[in-house]
Structures are given as structure tokens and as C-alpha cells.
Amino acid sequence: MRHSLLLFLSADRLHAQLMAGGKIALQRDFTDSPEGRENFASFLHTVKCPAYLLTDLIEEDFRHETVPHLIGGNRTALLQRKFDQFYRGTPFHQATLLQRQKTGRRDDDILFSALTNPSLIKPWLDIMLAQQTPLAGIYSVPQISAPLVKDHPSNHLLLISWEKYAGLRQTYFSEHRLQISRLTPIHADLTFRDAVVNELARTYQYLKSLSLLPLGQTLDVRVLCHADDRNELQNKLPKDADMRYDFADIGEVGRQLKIDYRFTDSDASQIFLHQLAARPPQTHYANATHTHYFTLWQLRRVLNLASGALLLGMLLWGAGKLWQSGSNATQAAALKNQAQQTLNEAQKIILAFPNTYASAADMKAGVSVMRKLNQYAPVPQDILQPVSAMLDRHPQIKLDDLSWQMNATEPVANNTLADVPAQVITLKGHLEDFANDYRAALNYLERFQQDLTAQGYQVTALIKPLDVSPSGSIADQREARENALGFSLKISRRPPI
């Protein structure tokens, strides 16, 4: 985290440490007094980054319980009943799952813990809520200690550390899981080395009395201290087969954790504060009311990130559109040039056309004629169907040939359109079953012509079966018996007015 406020609370004071880019930017100490709390409120007025509160208090209780494995609302209700049973007087409690059993009902082994004296925390917490400080959580030193022993091979390990304003902290881990922790204040007349020697034997007996250390099991002890204290402790600690000692150089641990701080003594406060800033545990003692402003800070941060992402997306989209518009402009210019070339070629072709100018009057007349032709030009079926019907009524007329055309020069009959071409049919045929009865044949053909005339046709005989005109030759007709009864008619009709 780029900026954060680390707070270390002991019984009689609060240490505030502002971090910027992983380095200490500012440090302040506030005493547990009205003046100290007022100074703390003034300090928070100028600091609005997320805060992490680390406690190191004697009044921290631990209880191990095995409970049924539940999920959802049932688990929440079960844990709340346990909190009401164990820690009714404090809101600063939590439940940490240690493991799920592998046999039987596969119940959960849970470590319940609480800060049992809320009066040590509440005044400072009220100030942070009044200043709307985004508090991420309330943690304790035993919670932060677990990563410091994760690489130790022992399954029964006691970690000893010293915090300058709190005291000597002894935390016991079984199979790398937190079991219990004790804090012993160190008075001015007692050195860190003497406190370790005096308290270690008491803690060993305490673990055995609680059956936390199996019978005959050797207790591994890791002491987090400065190199100067390590040399003294190696000489002062009793040589006991029940305990093995392991010394962790606090300066080397600081370098491994990349802490930019010079350790001059065995005070491990900076180790735990930096460990909290780097990897805060998921569970802590604060509830939703305590972390309300931190939730708002996270929401505001998410909104800012979303706004930034949206702005960046819009900028990228705009840049893409700008680039695309440049590409489109290039393509548009190319298309414009191509269109101009096409227009030039079209003009050349138009200029090469012959002059076919027609006046407006001529064009109007032509259009009128075409419309009239389209209106009055019947289809061949409408012209030929009446003729076909007449042929069916005169079965002794056999059709040899028929042609059809439009002719504007035909005589105009009464009550017909003179400006519409006539439909002209030329019909060639012959008469059958008349033997040499030419009079009957001529009468038969005459009736056929009269029937067509009754249908609105103008009928003109082009060739008759027997030419009785003064220029005709009857002898010639008799010599060609096969064609003696042949004839040809011209049938024409115009649309009626």
C-alpha cells in the first residue's frame, strides 16, 4: 500500500507511524491521557489514509473449542452464541479456524480470542470514528507472529519477543498454529535478558499444566532479539533437555522483510508493524461499525479506478476513431479521384454521341403516341380469338395461312380511332365439300365475311374461289381443281371511339 497509518497500542500509550512507499515518513507517540488523546485527534485531522491498529495488551484471552462444521447463517449463529458465552462484555472478539478434523464428524477446531478490556481501546477508537479515519482492522501481536515461525521445523514452538512499551510477549504454536499467548510487562529495573530467563521457566510449567505440551516433548524456543542480547542470553539461559533454544537476529529478520529501519536493541515493534502493513490477516477484532469509513474508502477507490479505466477506454476509443477518420479521409480522397476520372470518361462518351436533339413538342407528341399505343394495342389473342370463333362456325373453310400486322394506312371506318394503327389479318384458305357447286361455295364464303363484319371487322376479299370479274378466266380455274376453291381475305379493325 502506498500510504498507510500504522498504530501500535499498549497499555499506557499509542504509537502512530505514517508509512509512505514502504518507508517511515513520520512517527508520533501519544500517552493515555486527555492531553494525549487530544493531540491524537489533532494528528488524525491531517492524516486521511487507511489505518491499521495493532494491539499488545495483557487483556487478550484465547479459548480452543471443537464445534460442528457448519456454513452460512448456521455457522454465524453458532459463533455468535460462543461469543455471548465467552466474551459478552467486549465487542472485540474473533474466531479463527485452526483445522478441520479428519475423522468422525469432521468437526472444526476453532480458536476463539478477544480483547477483554475494551476500555483500553474504545477512547482511541472513538477518536478515529469521530475523525472518520478509514480503519482497516484491529489486530494483535500474536496474530502477526505466525509468519515468523512458518519456516521452523518444530511442531511445538514458543516465540519470545519484546516490545518496548508493552513488555515480553510469549506465543506458543502447535504445528504452526497459534494456541496461546502471554504478555509480561517489564519494569525499569528489569532488563530484557533477565525477563526472558525469569519468564521462560514459568511459561514452560504453564504449558504443561494446560496439557498443551505433550508429556516428554521438548519445547523449542525461538527468541527474537538483537545480536548483543543473543550473546548474553546464550550464557544465561539454563541448559535443560526439555528446551532447545533458537535465536533469530532481529536485524537479519528486518532485512529479510525489507524493512528500512536500523535496529539498535531487541524491540520488535517495527517487525510486527511492517508485517501488518505487508500482510494483514483476514480476521481481526473490529466489526462493521469500526471499519465503516474504510469500506467507504475502498468503495471510493474502486469508483476512482473505474472512472480512470473508463476515461482511459474513452481516450483509446477516441484515438482509434481519430486514426480511423484519417484512414477514412485517405480512402475518401481516393474515391473522389476515382469518381472524377469516371465522370471525365462519361463526358467523353457523351460528347462522342451523335446529335439526336428533339424539340419538346416532338417529344411530347411521341410520348402521347406511345401512351395511346400502349393503351389501345391489343394482344394478338384479343384480335385472333373472334376470327378463330368464326372459323369454328364455318367448318368447310380450311385455313392454309394467316399473318398479322399493324397498319396505319388502312381506311378508317366510322366510329373508330383514326390515329391508332389498324390491326390487319391476312387469311388464306380453301373451301371443301362443294364439288363443282361454285355458287354454293361463293355464298358460303360470303356468309363468313358477313359474320366477321358483324364483329366489327372490315373484310376485303383479295382472292375469291371463282373469279367472276370481267378480267377473270373460268377455264383457268377449272383446269386447277386442287386450287379451284382457294381464297384470301384481308381482315382489319381499329379500336372504337
Protein backbone atom coordinates (compact mmCIF):
# COMPACT_ATOMS: atom_id res chain seq x y z
CA MET A 1 0.00 0.00 0.00
CA ARG A 2 1.47 3.37 -0.95
CA HIS A 3 0.30 5.35 2.12
CA SER A 4 -0.89 3.86 5.41
CA LEU A 5 -1.09 4.75 9.07
CA LEU A 6 0.21 2.08 11.47
CA LEU A 7 -0.91 2.34 15.09
CA PHE A 8 0.64 0.35 17.95
CA LEU A 9 -1.44 0.33 21.15
CA SER A 10 -0.03 -0.75 24.50
CA ALA A 11 -1.47 -0.33 27.98
CA ASP A 12 -0.35 3.27 28.54
CA ARG A 13 0.38 4.78 25.12
CA LEU A 14 -0.35 4.78 21.40
CA HIS A 15 2.42 4.85 18.81
CA ALA A 16 1.49 6.31 15.38
CA GLN A 17 3.63 5.71 12.33
CA LEU A 18 2.89 7.10 8.87
CA MET A 19 4.20 4.93 6.03
CA ALA A 20 4.87 6.20 2.51
CA GLY A 21 6.10 3.82 -0.16
CA GLY A 22 7.10 1.21 2.45
CA LYS A 23 9.24 3.68 4.44
CA ILE A 24 8.62 5.52 7.69
CA ALA A 25 7.60 9.10 6.91
CA LEU A 26 6.52 10.23 10.39
CA GLN A 27 6.37 8.86 13.96
CA ARG A 28 4.40 10.18 16.93
CA ASP A 29 3.69 8.85 20.44
CA PHE A 30 0.55 9.72 22.43
CA THR A 31 0.11 8.99 26.14
CA ASP A 32 -3.09 7.53 27.56
CA SER A 33 -4.26 10.85 28.98
CA PRO A 34 -6.74 13.58 28.00
CA GLU A 35 -3.90 15.63 26.58
CA GLY A 36 -2.53 12.67 24.63
CA ARG A 37 -5.92 11.81 23.16
CA GLU A 38 -6.49 15.45 22.17
CA ASN A 39 -3.12 15.50 20.41
CA PHE A 40 -4.04 12.27 18.65
CA ALA A 41 -7.28 13.80 17.37
CA SER A 42 -5.34 16.78 16.00
CA PHE A 43 -2.88 14.42 14.36
CA LEU A 44 -5.65 12.41 12.66
CA HIS A 45 -7.16 15.62 11.31
CA THR A 46 -4.21 15.88 8.92
CA VAL A 47 -3.96 12.16 8.03
CA LYS A 48 -6.71 10.54 5.92
CA CYS A 49 -5.05 7.34 4.66
CA PRO A 50 -6.13 3.82 5.78
CA ALA A 51 -5.16 2.93 9.35
CA TYR A 52 -4.18 -0.42 10.91
CA LEU A 53 -4.42 -0.75 14.68
CA LEU A 54 -2.04 -3.29 16.29
CA THR A 55 -2.58 -4.08 19.98
CA ASP A 56 -0.20 -5.66 22.50
CA LEU A 57 -2.22 -5.97 25.71
CA ILE A 58 -2.26 -8.30 28.68
CA GLU A 59 -6.07 -8.49 28.47
CA GLU A 60 -6.21 -10.85 25.49
CA ASP A 61 -7.86 -14.21 26.03
CA PHE A 62 -7.65 -17.43 23.95
CA ARG A 63 -10.00 -20.43 24.05
CA HIS A 64 -9.94 -23.61 21.99
CA GLU A 65 -13.25 -25.18 21.02
CA THR A 66 -14.37 -28.01 18.75
CA VAL A 67 -17.65 -27.15 17.04
CA PRO A 68 -19.74 -28.84 14.31
CA HIS A 69 -18.79 -27.94 10.77
CA LEU A 70 -21.47 -25.54 9.59
CA ILE A 71 -21.77 -22.98 6.82
CA GLY A 72 -23.77 -19.85 6.12
CA GLY A 73 -26.22 -18.50 8.66
CA ASN A 74 -25.99 -21.57 10.89
CA ARG A 75 -22.26 -21.06 11.36
CA THR A 76 -22.72 -17.35 12.07
CA ALA A 77 -25.37 -18.11 14.70
CA LEU A 78 -23.17 -20.75 16.35
CA LEU A 79 -20.19 -18.41 16.57
CA GLN A 80 -22.35 -15.62 17.98
CA ARG A 81 -23.60 -17.96 20.73
CA LYS A 82 -19.99 -18.77 21.61
CA PHE A 83 -19.08 -15.08 21.71
CA ASP A 84 -22.04 -14.40 24.01
CA GLN A 85 -20.92 -17.28 26.21
CA PHE A 86 -17.22 -16.40 26.41
CA TYR A 87 -16.92 -12.67 25.74
CA ARG A 88 -20.23 -10.98 26.48
CA GLY A 89 -18.58 -7.84 27.83
CA THR A 90 -16.48 -6.90 24.79
CA PRO A 91 -17.18 -6.27 21.07
CA PHE A 92 -13.56 -7.04 20.16
CA HIS A 93 -13.66 -10.78 19.52
CA GLN A 94 -12.94 -13.17 16.67
CA ALA A 95 -12.94 -16.86 15.72
CA THR A 96 -10.05 -18.39 13.75
CA LEU A 97 -10.36 -21.80 12.12
CA LEU A 98 -7.30 -23.87 13.05
CA GLN A 99 -8.19 -27.07 11.21
CA ARG A 100 -10.99 -29.42 10.30
CA GLN A 101 -10.75 -32.81 11.89
CA LYS A 102 -10.12 -35.73 9.55
CA THR A 103 -12.10 -38.39 11.42
CA GLY A 104 -15.56 -38.80 12.91
CA ARG A 105 -17.92 -35.94 12.11
CA ARG A 106 -15.01 -33.89 10.82
CA ASP A 107 -15.72 -31.04 13.23
CA ASP A 108 -13.88 -27.72 13.24
CA ASP A 109 -11.13 -26.82 15.69
CA ILE A 110 -11.55 -23.10 16.32
CA LEU A 111 -9.51 -20.62 18.34
CA PHE A 112 -11.75 -18.03 19.99
CA SER A 113 -9.98 -14.90 21.17
CA ALA A 114 -10.89 -11.45 22.44
CA LEU A 115 -9.54 -8.23 23.86
CA THR A 116 -11.31 -8.46 27.21
CA ASN A 117 -10.76 -4.87 28.40
CA PRO A 118 -12.48 -2.66 25.79
CA SER A 119 -11.86 0.45 27.88
CA LEU A 120 -8.23 0.41 26.75
CA ILE A 121 -9.25 0.58 23.09
CA LYS A 122 -12.55 2.44 22.98
CA PRO A 123 -11.26 6.00 23.68
CA TRP A 124 -8.78 5.80 20.82
CA LEU A 125 -11.35 4.13 18.57
CA ASP A 126 -13.95 6.83 19.29
CA ILE A 127 -11.46 9.48 18.19
CA MET A 128 -10.82 7.65 14.91
CA LEU A 129 -14.55 7.31 14.25
CA ALA A 130 -15.10 11.00 15.01
CA GLN A 131 -12.33 11.92 12.58
CA GLN A 132 -13.77 9.46 10.01
CA THR A 133 -10.45 7.63 9.82
CA PRO A 134 -10.65 4.63 7.44
CA LEU A 135 -9.75 1.90 9.94
CA ALA A 136 -8.98 -1.39 8.16
CA GLY A 137 -8.97 -3.55 11.28
CA ILE A 138 -7.85 -4.17 14.85
CA TYR A 139 -5.12 -6.78 15.21
CA SER A 140 -2.92 -8.20 17.94
CA VAL A 141 0.76 -9.15 18.07
CA PRO A 142 0.05 -12.91 18.42
CA GLN A 143 -1.88 -12.80 15.14
CA ILE A 144 1.05 -11.17 13.33
CA SER A 145 3.59 -13.61 14.82
CA ALA A 146 2.63 -16.68 12.79
CA PRO A 147 4.67 -15.80 9.63
CA LEU A 148 7.81 -15.51 11.77
CA VAL A 149 7.70 -19.23 12.65
CA LYS A 150 6.31 -20.76 9.47
CA ASP A 151 9.76 -21.98 8.37
CA HIS A 152 10.65 -23.53 11.74
CA PRO A 153 10.63 -27.36 11.67
CA SER A 154 9.32 -27.76 15.23
CA ASN A 155 5.70 -28.67 15.94
CA HIS A 156 5.92 -27.23 19.47
CA LEU A 157 7.44 -23.79 19.38
CA LEU A 158 7.47 -20.86 21.77
CA LEU A 159 8.22 -17.47 20.18
CA ILE A 160 9.62 -14.80 22.52
CA SER A 161 9.69 -11.14 21.54
CA TRP A 162 9.96 -7.83 23.33
CA GLU A 163 8.02 -4.66 22.53
CA LYS A 164 9.48 -1.62 24.23
CA TYR A 165 6.24 -0.07 25.54
CA ALA A 166 4.28 -3.30 26.07
CA GLY A 167 6.52 -5.97 27.56
CA LEU A 168 7.73 -9.51 26.95
CA ARG A 169 5.45 -11.45 24.60
CA GLN A 170 5.49 -15.29 24.62
CA THR A 171 3.39 -17.02 21.97
CA TYR A 172 3.03 -20.77 21.73
CA PHE A 173 2.44 -22.57 18.38
CA SER A 174 1.45 -26.20 17.95
CA GLU A 175 2.02 -27.49 14.43
CA HIS A 176 2.50 -23.86 13.37
CA ARG A 177 -0.96 -22.90 14.65
CA LEU A 178 -1.45 -20.30 17.37
CA GLN A 179 -2.51 -21.84 20.66
CA ILE A 180 -1.93 -19.29 23.43
CA SER A 181 -0.01 -16.11 24.15
CA ARG A 182 1.12 -14.29 27.32
CA LEU A 183 2.36 -10.74 27.84
CA THR A 184 4.54 -9.81 30.82
CA PRO A 185 5.27 -6.12 31.48
CA ILE A 186 8.94 -5.29 32.00
CA HIS A 187 9.68 -2.70 34.64
CA ALA A 188 12.51 -0.20 34.51
CA ASP A 189 14.62 -2.23 36.94
CA LEU A 190 14.32 -5.41 34.85
CA THR A 191 16.29 -5.92 31.63
CA PHE A 192 15.07 -7.80 28.59
CA ARG A 193 17.59 -10.60 29.18
CA ASP A 194 16.57 -11.08 32.81
CA ALA A 195 12.88 -11.08 31.88
CA VAL A 196 13.44 -13.85 29.31
CA VAL A 197 15.29 -16.02 31.84
CA ASN A 198 12.71 -15.48 34.59
CA GLU A 199 9.57 -15.90 32.49
CA LEU A 200 10.65 -18.81 30.32
CA ALA A 201 10.56 -21.33 33.16
CA ARG A 202 7.10 -20.11 34.25
CA THR A 203 5.73 -20.36 30.73
CA TYR A 204 7.07 -23.89 30.35
CA GLN A 205 5.27 -25.01 33.50
CA TYR A 206 2.11 -23.16 32.39
CA LEU A 207 2.05 -25.03 29.06
CA LYS A 208 2.45 -28.36 30.81
CA SER A 209 -0.33 -27.56 33.27
CA LEU A 210 -2.70 -26.85 30.38
CA SER A 211 -1.59 -30.09 28.63
CA LEU A 212 -0.66 -28.04 25.58
CA LEU A 213 2.82 -29.59 25.59
CA PRO A 214 2.74 -33.40 25.35
CA LEU A 215 4.45 -35.35 28.08
CA GLY A 216 8.15 -35.82 27.34
CA GLN A 217 8.02 -33.38 24.42
CA THR A 218 10.92 -30.99 24.03
CA LEU A 219 9.89 -27.33 23.75
CA ASP A 220 11.64 -25.37 21.03
CA VAL A 221 12.18 -21.74 21.96
CA ARG A 222 12.83 -19.05 19.34
CA VAL A 223 13.99 -15.74 20.75
CA LEU A 224 13.70 -12.67 18.51
CA CYS A 225 16.42 -10.35 19.76
CA HIS A 226 19.37 -8.12 18.93
CA ALA A 227 22.82 -9.67 18.43
CA ASP A 228 24.06 -8.08 21.69
CA ASP A 229 21.27 -9.68 23.74
CA ARG A 230 21.72 -13.01 21.99
CA ASN A 231 25.27 -13.43 23.30
CA GLU A 232 24.16 -12.71 26.87
CA LEU A 233 21.13 -14.99 26.64
CA GLN A 234 23.18 -17.90 25.38
CA ASN A 235 25.15 -17.73 28.63
CA LYS A 236 22.22 -17.07 30.99
CA LEU A 237 19.58 -19.50 29.75
CA PRO A 238 19.63 -22.80 31.63
CA LYS A 239 20.91 -25.85 29.81
CA ASP A 240 17.78 -28.02 30.01
CA ALA A 241 16.98 -31.15 28.00
CA ASP A 242 13.31 -30.12 27.99
CA MET A 243 14.01 -26.97 25.94
CA ARG A 244 16.01 -26.14 22.82
CA TYR A 245 16.92 -22.53 22.00
CA ASP A 246 16.89 -20.81 18.64
CA PHE A 247 17.91 -17.14 18.30
CA ALA A 248 16.60 -15.01 15.44
CA ASP A 249 18.69 -11.90 14.82
CA ILE A 250 16.20 -9.03 14.68
CA GLY A 251 18.39 -7.12 12.24
CA GLU A 252 18.56 -10.10 9.87
CA VAL A 253 14.78 -10.62 10.12
CA GLY A 254 14.33 -6.94 9.27
CA ARG A 255 16.50 -7.29 6.18
CA GLN A 256 14.58 -10.38 5.08
CA LEU A 257 11.31 -8.47 5.41
CA LYS A 258 12.90 -5.48 3.58
CA ILE A 259 12.31 -3.12 6.50
CA ASP A 260 14.09 0.20 6.12
CA TYR A 261 14.88 0.61 9.80
CA ARG A 262 18.05 0.39 11.94
CA PHE A 263 17.55 -1.87 14.96
CA THR A 264 19.62 -0.79 17.96
CA ASP A 265 18.05 -3.11 20.54
CA SER A 266 15.66 -6.07 20.75
CA ASP A 267 12.48 -4.00 20.37
CA ALA A 268 10.42 -5.96 17.79
CA SER A 269 7.65 -3.36 17.38
CA GLN A 270 8.82 -2.44 13.86
CA ILE A 271 8.91 -6.10 12.84
CA PHE A 272 5.25 -6.56 13.72
CA LEU A 273 4.14 -3.20 12.31
CA HIS A 274 5.79 -3.80 8.94
CA GLN A 275 4.48 -7.37 8.93
CA LEU A 276 0.97 -5.99 9.47
CA ALA A 277 1.36 -3.44 6.67
CA ALA A 278 2.66 -6.06 4.24
CA ARG A 279 0.26 -8.95 5.01
CA PRO A 280 -2.70 -8.03 7.25
CA PRO A 281 -4.62 -11.13 8.45
CA GLN A 282 -8.12 -11.70 7.13
CA THR A 283 -9.64 -11.97 10.62
CA HIS A 284 -9.39 -9.21 13.21
CA TYR A 285 -11.19 -7.77 16.22
CA ALA A 286 -13.01 -4.88 14.50
CA ASN A 287 -16.65 -5.12 13.44
CA ALA A 288 -18.54 -3.43 10.58
CA THR A 289 -19.17 -0.28 12.64
CA HIS A 290 -15.46 0.18 13.32
CA THR A 291 -14.49 -0.33 9.66
CA HIS A 292 -17.36 1.71 8.17
CA TYR A 293 -15.17 4.50 6.83
CA PHE A 294 -12.62 2.04 5.48
CA THR A 295 -15.41 0.40 3.48
CA LEU A 296 -16.37 3.81 2.10
CA TRP A 297 -12.72 4.48 1.27
CA GLN A 298 -12.49 1.20 -0.63
CA LEU A 299 -15.72 1.98 -2.50
CA ARG A 300 -14.44 5.44 -3.41
CA ARG A 301 -11.16 3.92 -4.58
CA VAL A 302 -13.00 1.38 -6.74
CA LEU A 303 -15.10 4.15 -8.25
CA ASN A 304 -11.98 6.21 -8.95
CA LEU A 305 -10.30 3.24 -10.59
CA ALA A 306 -13.43 2.54 -12.62
CA SER A 307 -13.59 6.19 -13.67
CA GLY A 308 -9.94 6.12 -14.64
CA ALA A 309 -10.42 2.92 -16.60
CA LEU A 310 -13.47 4.42 -18.31
CA LEU A 311 -11.54 7.59 -19.14
CA LEU A 312 -8.64 5.56 -20.49
CA GLY A 313 -11.04 3.49 -22.55
CA MET A 314 -12.66 6.62 -23.94
CA LEU A 315 -9.25 8.07 -24.80
CA LEU A 316 -8.25 4.86 -26.56
CA TRP A 317 -11.59 4.78 -28.36
CA GLY A 318 -11.18 8.42 -29.38
CA ALA A 319 -7.63 7.76 -30.60
CA GLY A 320 -8.90 4.80 -32.60
CA LYS A 321 -11.66 6.91 -34.10
CA LEU A 322 -9.18 9.66 -34.90
CA TRP A 323 -6.90 7.20 -36.62
CA GLN A 324 -9.85 5.66 -38.42
CA SER A 325 -11.06 9.10 -39.54
CA GLY A 326 -7.60 9.79 -41.00
CA SER A 327 -7.76 6.46 -42.82
CA ASN A 328 -11.30 7.24 -43.98
CA ALA A 329 -10.16 10.65 -45.23
CA THR A 330 -7.44 8.98 -47.29
CA GLN A 331 -9.94 6.49 -48.70
CA ALA A 332 -12.43 9.29 -49.38
CA ALA A 333 -9.80 11.23 -51.33
CA ALA A 334 -9.01 8.14 -53.40
CA LEU A 335 -12.72 7.55 -54.08
CA LYS A 336 -13.15 11.20 -55.03
CA ASN A 337 -10.32 10.94 -57.55
CA GLN A 338 -11.79 7.74 -58.96
CA ALA A 339 -15.24 9.37 -59.24
CA GLN A 340 -13.75 12.35 -61.07
CA GLN A 341 -11.99 10.03 -63.53
CA THR A 342 -15.25 8.15 -64.14
CA LEU A 343 -17.09 11.46 -64.69
CA ASN A 344 -14.47 12.59 -67.19
CA GLU A 345 -14.74 9.33 -69.11
CA ALA A 346 -18.56 9.60 -69.10
CA GLN A 347 -18.36 13.13 -70.51
CA LYS A 348 -16.05 11.92 -73.29
CA ILE A 349 -18.54 9.19 -74.19
CA ILE A 350 -21.44 11.68 -74.18
CA LEU A 351 -19.54 14.05 -76.45
CA ALA A 352 -18.94 11.17 -78.87
CA PHE A 353 -22.71 10.51 -79.23
CA PRO A 354 -24.40 11.81 -82.46
CA ASN A 355 -26.64 14.84 -82.15
CA THR A 356 -30.14 13.46 -81.55
CA TYR A 357 -31.77 16.63 -80.36
CA ALA A 358 -35.57 16.64 -80.40
CA SER A 359 -37.82 19.55 -79.55
CA ALA A 360 -40.09 19.44 -76.55
CA ALA A 361 -43.20 19.40 -78.76
CA ASP A 362 -41.93 16.39 -80.69
CA MET A 363 -41.06 14.57 -77.53
CA LYS A 364 -44.50 15.36 -76.10
CA ALA A 365 -46.19 14.09 -79.25
CA GLY A 366 -44.06 10.95 -79.22
CA VAL A 367 -44.90 10.26 -75.61
CA SER A 368 -48.62 10.81 -76.31
CA VAL A 369 -48.49 8.39 -79.24
CA MET A 370 -46.67 5.77 -77.16
CA ARG A 371 -49.17 6.08 -74.34
CA LYS A 372 -52.06 5.72 -76.82
CA LEU A 373 -50.40 2.73 -78.45
CA ASN A 374 -49.87 1.12 -75.08
CA GLN A 375 -53.49 1.83 -74.23
CA TYR A 376 -55.11 0.60 -77.46
CA ALA A 377 -52.66 -2.01 -78.71
CA PRO A 378 -54.47 -5.32 -78.06
CA VAL A 379 -52.65 -8.55 -77.61
CA PRO A 380 -52.81 -10.99 -80.57
CA GLN A 381 -55.17 -13.24 -78.66
CA ASP A 382 -57.82 -10.49 -78.47
CA ILE A 383 -57.60 -9.97 -82.30
CA LEU A 384 -57.43 -13.58 -83.37
CA GLN A 385 -59.92 -15.12 -80.97
CA PRO A 386 -63.07 -13.78 -82.78
CA VAL A 387 -61.62 -14.92 -86.12
CA SER A 388 -60.98 -18.35 -84.68
CA ALA A 389 -64.55 -18.49 -83.39
CA MET A 390 -65.89 -17.67 -86.92
CA LEU A 391 -63.75 -20.44 -88.42
CA ASP A 392 -65.22 -22.87 -85.92
CA ARG A 393 -68.75 -21.88 -87.07
CA HIS A 394 -67.80 -22.45 -90.72
CA PRO A 395 -66.14 -25.88 -90.72
CA GLN A 396 -66.00 -26.09 -94.56
CA ILE A 397 -63.38 -23.31 -94.54
CA LYS A 398 -59.91 -24.72 -94.08
CA LEU A 399 -57.14 -22.37 -93.01
CA ASP A 400 -53.92 -22.55 -95.01
CA ASP A 401 -52.02 -19.48 -93.82
CA LEU A 402 -52.53 -16.50 -91.51
CA SER A 403 -50.46 -13.33 -90.92
CA TRP A 404 -50.98 -10.37 -88.58
CA GLN A 405 -49.62 -6.83 -88.58
CA MET A 406 -50.41 -3.24 -87.63
CA ASN A 407 -51.02 -0.77 -90.48
CA ALA A 408 -51.78 2.95 -90.07
CA THR A 409 -52.70 3.38 -93.78
CA GLU A 410 -55.85 1.26 -93.69
CA PRO A 411 -59.15 3.05 -94.38
CA VAL A 412 -60.82 4.40 -91.26
CA ALA A 413 -64.29 3.04 -90.57
CA ASN A 414 -66.99 5.04 -88.85
CA ASN A 415 -66.83 5.33 -85.04
CA THR A 416 -63.18 4.14 -84.86
CA LEU A 417 -59.97 5.88 -83.77
CA ALA A 418 -58.20 7.29 -86.82
CA ASP A 419 -54.91 7.98 -85.01
CA VAL A 420 -54.41 4.38 -83.92
CA PRO A 421 -52.99 1.86 -86.46
CA ALA A 422 -55.36 -0.83 -87.63
CA GLN A 423 -54.85 -4.47 -86.76
CA VAL A 424 -54.63 -6.27 -90.16
CA ILE A 425 -55.02 -10.05 -90.58
CA THR A 426 -54.37 -11.75 -93.90
CA LEU A 427 -56.18 -15.08 -94.01
CA LYS A 428 -55.59 -17.65 -96.76
CA GLY A 429 -57.62 -20.85 -97.06
CA HIS A 430 -59.84 -23.04 -99.24
CA LEU A 431 -63.35 -24.47 -99.25
CA GLU A 432 -64.08 -28.18 -99.06
CA ASP A 433 -67.01 -30.49 -99.82
CA PHE A 434 -68.57 -28.26 -102.54
CA ALA A 435 -67.61 -30.41 -105.56
CA ASN A 436 -68.29 -28.18 -108.60
CA ASP A 437 -71.05 -26.16 -106.91
CA TYR A 438 -69.28 -22.81 -107.14
CA ARG A 439 -72.38 -20.80 -106.36
CA ALA A 440 -72.82 -22.53 -103.02
CA ALA A 441 -69.12 -22.03 -102.25
CA LEU A 442 -69.30 -18.31 -103.01
CA ASN A 443 -72.39 -17.93 -100.86
CA TYR A 444 -70.74 -19.83 -98.01
CA LEU A 445 -67.68 -17.59 -98.13
CA GLU A 446 -69.93 -14.52 -98.32
CA ARG A 447 -71.72 -15.50 -95.11
CA PHE A 448 -68.32 -15.95 -93.43
CA GLN A 449 -67.36 -12.39 -94.43
CA GLN A 450 -70.68 -11.01 -93.19
CA ASP A 451 -70.23 -12.68 -89.80
CA LEU A 452 -66.77 -11.10 -89.45
CA THR A 453 -68.18 -7.71 -90.42
CA ALA A 454 -70.84 -8.11 -87.72
CA GLN A 455 -67.99 -8.49 -85.21
CA GLY A 456 -66.59 -5.08 -86.16
CA TYR A 457 -64.04 -6.18 -88.74
CA GLN A 458 -63.56 -4.66 -92.16
CA VAL A 459 -63.26 -7.56 -94.63
CA THR A 460 -61.82 -7.30 -98.14
CA ALA A 461 -61.56 -10.30 -100.50
CA LEU A 462 -58.13 -10.44 -102.04
CA ILE A 463 -58.66 -13.73 -103.90
CA LYS A 464 -62.03 -15.45 -104.47
CA PRO A 465 -62.70 -19.16 -105.17
CA LEU A 466 -64.17 -18.20 -108.53
CA ASP A 467 -63.15 -15.05 -110.33
CA VAL A 468 -66.37 -13.75 -111.89
CA SER A 469 -64.92 -10.38 -112.77
CA PRO A 470 -64.70 -9.34 -116.46
CA SER A 471 -60.97 -10.00 -116.41
CA GLY A 472 -61.26 -13.39 -114.77
CA SER A 473 -60.93 -16.75 -116.53
CA ILE A 474 -63.30 -19.54 -115.59
CA ALA A 475 -61.43 -22.00 -117.74
CA ASP A 476 -58.25 -21.45 -115.83
CA GLN A 477 -59.97 -22.19 -112.58
CA ARG A 478 -61.41 -25.43 -113.82
CA GLU A 479 -58.03 -26.64 -115.04
CA ALA A 480 -56.56 -26.37 -111.50
CA ARG A 481 -59.08 -28.34 -109.49
CA GLU A 482 -56.89 -28.59 -106.40
CA ASN A 483 -56.82 -24.79 -106.02
CA ALA A 484 -60.25 -24.06 -107.60
CA LEU A 485 -61.83 -23.17 -104.18
CA GLY A 486 -58.89 -21.27 -102.66
CA PHE A 487 -59.36 -17.71 -101.40
CA SER A 488 -57.59 -14.90 -99.50
CA LEU A 489 -59.17 -12.28 -97.20
CA LYS A 490 -57.82 -9.12 -95.54
CA ILE A 491 -59.45 -8.55 -92.17
CA SER A 492 -58.78 -5.26 -90.36
CA ARG A 493 -60.08 -3.45 -87.27
CA ARG A 494 -59.41 -0.26 -85.28
CA PRO A 495 -60.42 0.40 -81.65
CA PRO A 496 -63.83 2.03 -81.30
CA ILE A 497 -64.11 5.64 -80.22
